[in-house]
Amino acid sequence: MRDDKNDNLVLLLCEEVRERRQKLNLSQSEVSRRSGLHRSYIGDLERGARNLSVKNLARVALALNISPSSLVKRAEKRMLNGNQPVSEETV
């Protein structure tokens, strides 16, 4: 049961990354360039095929002009809201 919650949190974190990138009108290639991570890694991450390490979370967050903790908090709130996106004001 606990793994299901953790897996769900990881997937929601990946969705937050994708939505943040889209909100900033950045391509995966631009996030790749800013973070120093390969473009295919960014694509895999956004599809939920990758589990972020703390190091890569920090790199991606920096590329998206947001703190790593804010990305995680947004994903946690989303999980509590039945997977519904959260507004900027609620974080």
N, C-alpha and C. Protein backbone atom coordinates (compact mmCIF):
# COMPACT_ATOMS: atom_id res chain seq x y z
N MET A 1 0.83 -1.20 0.00
CA MET A 1 0.00 0.00 0.00
C MET A 1 0.87 1.26 0.00
N ARG A 2 1.88 1.27 0.81
CA ARG A 2 2.77 2.43 0.91
C ARG A 2 3.47 2.70 -0.42
N ASP A 3 3.87 1.65 -1.15
CA ASP A 3 4.52 1.83 -2.43
C ASP A 3 3.58 2.49 -3.44
N ASP A 4 2.29 2.17 -3.37
CA ASP A 4 1.32 2.80 -4.26
C ASP A 4 1.30 4.31 -4.07
N LYS A 5 1.30 4.75 -2.84
CA LYS A 5 1.31 6.19 -2.55
C LYS A 5 2.60 6.83 -3.05
N ASN A 6 3.72 6.17 -2.81
CA ASN A 6 5.00 6.70 -3.26
C ASN A 6 5.07 6.76 -4.78
N ASP A 7 4.59 5.71 -5.44
CA ASP A 7 4.58 5.70 -6.90
C ASP A 7 3.70 6.81 -7.44
N ASN A 8 2.55 7.01 -6.80
CA ASN A 8 1.64 8.07 -7.22
C ASN A 8 2.29 9.44 -7.04
N LEU A 9 3.00 9.64 -5.95
CA LEU A 9 3.67 10.91 -5.72
C LEU A 9 4.73 11.17 -6.79
N VAL A 10 5.47 10.15 -7.15
CA VAL A 10 6.49 10.30 -8.20
C VAL A 10 5.83 10.69 -9.52
N LEU A 11 4.74 10.03 -9.87
CA LEU A 11 4.04 10.36 -11.12
C LEU A 11 3.49 11.78 -11.09
N LEU A 12 2.97 12.20 -9.96
CA LEU A 12 2.45 13.56 -9.86
C LEU A 12 3.58 14.59 -9.91
N LEU A 13 4.71 14.25 -9.36
CA LEU A 13 5.88 15.13 -9.46
C LEU A 13 6.30 15.28 -10.92
N CYS A 14 6.28 14.19 -11.66
CA CYS A 14 6.60 14.23 -13.08
C CYS A 14 5.61 15.11 -13.85
N GLU A 15 4.33 15.01 -13.49
CA GLU A 15 3.32 15.86 -14.11
C GLU A 15 3.56 17.33 -13.78
N GLU A 16 3.94 17.61 -12.56
CA GLU A 16 4.24 18.99 -12.18
C GLU A 16 5.40 19.55 -13.00
N VAL A 17 6.41 18.73 -13.23
CA VAL A 17 7.55 19.15 -14.05
C VAL A 17 7.06 19.49 -15.46
N ARG A 18 6.28 18.61 -16.06
CA ARG A 18 5.78 18.85 -17.42
C ARG A 18 4.92 20.11 -17.48
N GLU A 19 4.01 20.25 -16.53
CA GLU A 19 3.11 21.41 -16.55
C GLU A 19 3.87 22.71 -16.31
N ARG A 20 4.86 22.67 -15.43
CA ARG A 20 5.67 23.87 -15.19
C ARG A 20 6.43 24.25 -16.46
N ARG A 21 7.02 23.26 -17.14
CA ARG A 21 7.75 23.52 -18.38
C ARG A 21 6.83 24.14 -19.41
N GLN A 22 5.64 23.57 -19.57
CA GLN A 22 4.69 24.09 -20.54
C GLN A 22 4.23 25.50 -20.18
N LYS A 23 4.01 25.75 -18.90
CA LYS A 23 3.58 27.07 -18.45
C LYS A 23 4.63 28.13 -18.79
N LEU A 24 5.88 27.75 -18.71
CA LEU A 24 6.98 28.66 -19.03
C LEU A 24 7.28 28.71 -20.53
N ASN A 25 6.51 27.95 -21.31
CA ASN A 25 6.72 27.87 -22.76
C ASN A 25 8.14 27.44 -23.12
N LEU A 26 8.63 26.46 -22.38
CA LEU A 26 9.96 25.91 -22.66
C LEU A 26 9.82 24.56 -23.34
N SER A 27 10.71 24.28 -24.24
CA SER A 27 10.76 22.96 -24.86
C SER A 27 11.53 22.02 -23.94
N GLN A 28 11.38 20.74 -24.18
CA GLN A 28 12.18 19.76 -23.43
C GLN A 28 13.66 20.00 -23.71
N SER A 29 13.98 20.38 -24.91
CA SER A 29 15.38 20.66 -25.26
C SER A 29 15.94 21.83 -24.44
N GLU A 30 15.13 22.86 -24.23
CA GLU A 30 15.59 24.00 -23.45
C GLU A 30 15.78 23.61 -21.99
N VAL A 31 14.87 22.82 -21.45
CA VAL A 31 15.04 22.34 -20.06
C VAL A 31 16.29 21.47 -19.98
N SER A 32 16.50 20.68 -20.99
CA SER A 32 17.69 19.84 -21.06
C SER A 32 18.96 20.70 -21.02
N ARG A 33 18.98 21.72 -21.84
CA ARG A 33 20.15 22.62 -21.90
C ARG A 33 20.36 23.31 -20.55
N ARG A 34 19.29 23.82 -19.95
CA ARG A 34 19.39 24.54 -18.68
C ARG A 34 19.81 23.63 -17.53
N SER A 35 19.36 22.38 -17.56
CA SER A 35 19.62 21.46 -16.44
C SER A 35 20.89 20.63 -16.62
N GLY A 36 21.37 20.54 -17.86
CA GLY A 36 22.52 19.69 -18.12
C GLY A 36 22.17 18.22 -18.23
N LEU A 37 20.87 17.93 -18.31
CA LEU A 37 20.40 16.55 -18.46
C LEU A 37 20.00 16.31 -19.91
N HIS A 38 20.11 15.08 -20.37
CA HIS A 38 19.78 14.75 -21.75
C HIS A 38 18.30 14.97 -22.03
N ARG A 39 17.98 15.40 -23.25
CA ARG A 39 16.59 15.65 -23.61
C ARG A 39 15.73 14.42 -23.45
N SER A 40 16.26 13.25 -23.79
CA SER A 40 15.46 12.03 -23.65
C SER A 40 15.17 11.74 -22.17
N TYR A 41 16.07 12.14 -21.27
CA TYR A 41 15.82 11.99 -19.84
C TYR A 41 14.63 12.85 -19.43
N ILE A 42 14.59 14.08 -19.93
CA ILE A 42 13.48 15.00 -19.61
C ILE A 42 12.17 14.41 -20.12
N GLY A 43 12.17 13.88 -21.35
CA GLY A 43 10.97 13.25 -21.90
C GLY A 43 10.54 12.04 -21.09
N ASP A 44 11.50 11.20 -20.73
CA ASP A 44 11.18 10.03 -19.90
C ASP A 44 10.63 10.46 -18.55
N LEU A 45 11.22 11.48 -17.99
CA LEU A 45 10.77 11.99 -16.70
C LEU A 45 9.32 12.46 -16.78
N GLU A 46 9.02 13.24 -17.80
CA GLU A 46 7.65 13.78 -17.93
C GLU A 46 6.62 12.68 -18.17
N ARG A 47 7.03 11.58 -18.74
CA ARG A 47 6.11 10.44 -18.96
C ARG A 47 6.02 9.53 -17.73
N GLY A 48 6.82 9.82 -16.72
CA GLY A 48 6.80 9.01 -15.51
C GLY A 48 7.64 7.75 -15.63
N ALA A 49 8.50 7.68 -16.63
CA ALA A 49 9.34 6.51 -16.83
C ALA A 49 10.65 6.60 -16.05
N ARG A 50 10.90 7.73 -15.43
CA ARG A 50 12.10 7.94 -14.62
C ARG A 50 11.71 8.35 -13.21
N ASN A 51 12.52 7.94 -12.27
CA ASN A 51 12.35 8.35 -10.88
C ASN A 51 13.47 9.34 -10.59
N LEU A 52 13.14 10.56 -10.25
CA LEU A 52 14.12 11.61 -10.01
C LEU A 52 14.98 11.34 -8.79
N SER A 53 16.28 11.49 -8.95
CA SER A 53 17.14 11.54 -7.77
C SER A 53 17.04 12.96 -7.21
N VAL A 54 17.46 13.14 -6.00
CA VAL A 54 17.43 14.47 -5.39
C VAL A 54 18.32 15.42 -6.20
N LYS A 55 19.45 14.92 -6.64
CA LYS A 55 20.38 15.74 -7.44
C LYS A 55 19.70 16.21 -8.73
N ASN A 56 19.05 15.31 -9.43
CA ASN A 56 18.40 15.69 -10.69
C ASN A 56 17.14 16.52 -10.45
N LEU A 57 16.46 16.29 -9.33
CA LEU A 57 15.33 17.13 -8.98
C LEU A 57 15.79 18.58 -8.84
N ALA A 58 16.91 18.77 -8.18
CA ALA A 58 17.45 20.13 -8.01
C ALA A 58 17.82 20.74 -9.35
N ARG A 59 18.40 19.96 -10.23
CA ARG A 59 18.81 20.47 -11.55
C ARG A 59 17.59 20.85 -12.39
N VAL A 60 16.56 20.02 -12.38
CA VAL A 60 15.36 20.29 -13.15
C VAL A 60 14.62 21.50 -12.56
N ALA A 61 14.51 21.55 -11.24
CA ALA A 61 13.82 22.67 -10.59
C ALA A 61 14.51 23.99 -10.93
N LEU A 62 15.82 24.02 -10.86
CA LEU A 62 16.57 25.23 -11.20
C LEU A 62 16.28 25.64 -12.65
N ALA A 63 16.24 24.68 -13.54
CA ALA A 63 15.95 24.96 -14.95
C ALA A 63 14.55 25.52 -15.14
N LEU A 64 13.65 25.18 -14.21
CA LEU A 64 12.25 25.63 -14.30
C LEU A 64 11.96 26.82 -13.38
N ASN A 65 12.99 27.40 -12.80
CA ASN A 65 12.85 28.57 -11.94
C ASN A 65 11.89 28.34 -10.77
N ILE A 66 12.06 27.22 -10.12
CA ILE A 66 11.24 26.87 -8.96
C ILE A 66 12.12 26.07 -8.00
N SER A 67 11.82 26.12 -6.73
CA SER A 67 12.62 25.34 -5.79
C SER A 67 12.20 23.87 -5.84
N PRO A 68 13.14 22.97 -5.57
CA PRO A 68 12.77 21.55 -5.52
C PRO A 68 11.66 21.29 -4.51
N SER A 69 11.72 21.95 -3.36
CA SER A 69 10.69 21.73 -2.34
C SER A 69 9.32 22.17 -2.82
N SER A 70 9.25 23.24 -3.60
CA SER A 70 7.97 23.70 -4.14
C SER A 70 7.38 22.68 -5.11
N LEU A 71 8.22 22.08 -5.94
CA LEU A 71 7.73 21.05 -6.85
C LEU A 71 7.15 19.87 -6.08
N VAL A 72 7.87 19.45 -5.03
CA VAL A 72 7.40 18.31 -4.23
C VAL A 72 6.11 18.68 -3.49
N LYS A 73 6.05 19.87 -2.92
CA LYS A 73 4.84 20.31 -2.21
C LYS A 73 3.64 20.35 -3.15
N ARG A 74 3.86 20.83 -4.38
CA ARG A 74 2.77 20.88 -5.36
C ARG A 74 2.28 19.47 -5.67
N ALA A 75 3.20 18.54 -5.82
CA ALA A 75 2.81 17.15 -6.10
C ALA A 75 2.06 16.55 -4.92
N GLU A 76 2.50 16.84 -3.70
CA GLU A 76 1.81 16.34 -2.50
C GLU A 76 0.40 16.90 -2.40
N LYS A 77 0.24 18.19 -2.64
CA LYS A 77 -1.08 18.81 -2.58
C LYS A 77 -1.98 18.24 -3.67
N ARG A 78 -1.39 18.00 -4.83
CA ARG A 78 -2.15 17.41 -5.92
C ARG A 78 -2.65 16.02 -5.54
N MET A 79 -1.81 15.26 -4.87
CA MET A 79 -2.20 13.92 -4.45
C MET A 79 -3.36 14.00 -3.46
N LEU A 80 -3.30 14.96 -2.54
CA LEU A 80 -4.37 15.13 -1.56
C LEU A 80 -5.66 15.64 -2.19
N ASN A 81 -5.54 16.31 -3.34
CA ASN A 81 -6.70 16.86 -4.05
C ASN A 81 -7.23 15.90 -5.11
N GLY A 82 -6.93 14.62 -4.98
CA GLY A 82 -7.43 13.65 -5.95
C GLY A 82 -6.83 13.81 -7.33
N ASN A 83 -5.54 14.14 -7.38
CA ASN A 83 -4.78 14.30 -8.62
C ASN A 83 -5.16 15.53 -9.42
N GLN A 84 -5.89 16.45 -8.81
CA GLN A 84 -6.24 17.70 -9.50
C GLN A 84 -5.08 18.68 -9.39
N PRO A 85 -4.76 19.39 -10.49
CA PRO A 85 -3.69 20.40 -10.42
C PRO A 85 -4.00 21.45 -9.36
N VAL A 86 -2.96 22.01 -8.76
CA VAL A 86 -3.13 23.05 -7.75
C VAL A 86 -2.75 24.39 -8.36
N SER A 87 -3.39 25.44 -7.88
CA SER A 87 -3.09 26.77 -8.39
C SER A 87 -1.80 27.28 -7.79
N GLU A 88 -1.23 28.29 -8.42
CA GLU A 88 0.01 28.88 -7.95
C GLU A 88 -0.14 29.45 -6.54
N GLU A 89 -1.29 29.99 -6.22
CA GLU A 89 -1.49 30.65 -4.94
C GLU A 89 -1.50 29.68 -3.76
N THR A 90 -1.80 28.40 -4.02
CA THR A 90 -1.96 27.46 -2.91
C THR A 90 -0.65 26.85 -2.43
N VAL A 91 0.45 27.19 -3.06
CA VAL A 91 1.73 26.60 -2.65
C VAL A 91 2.59 27.63 -1.96
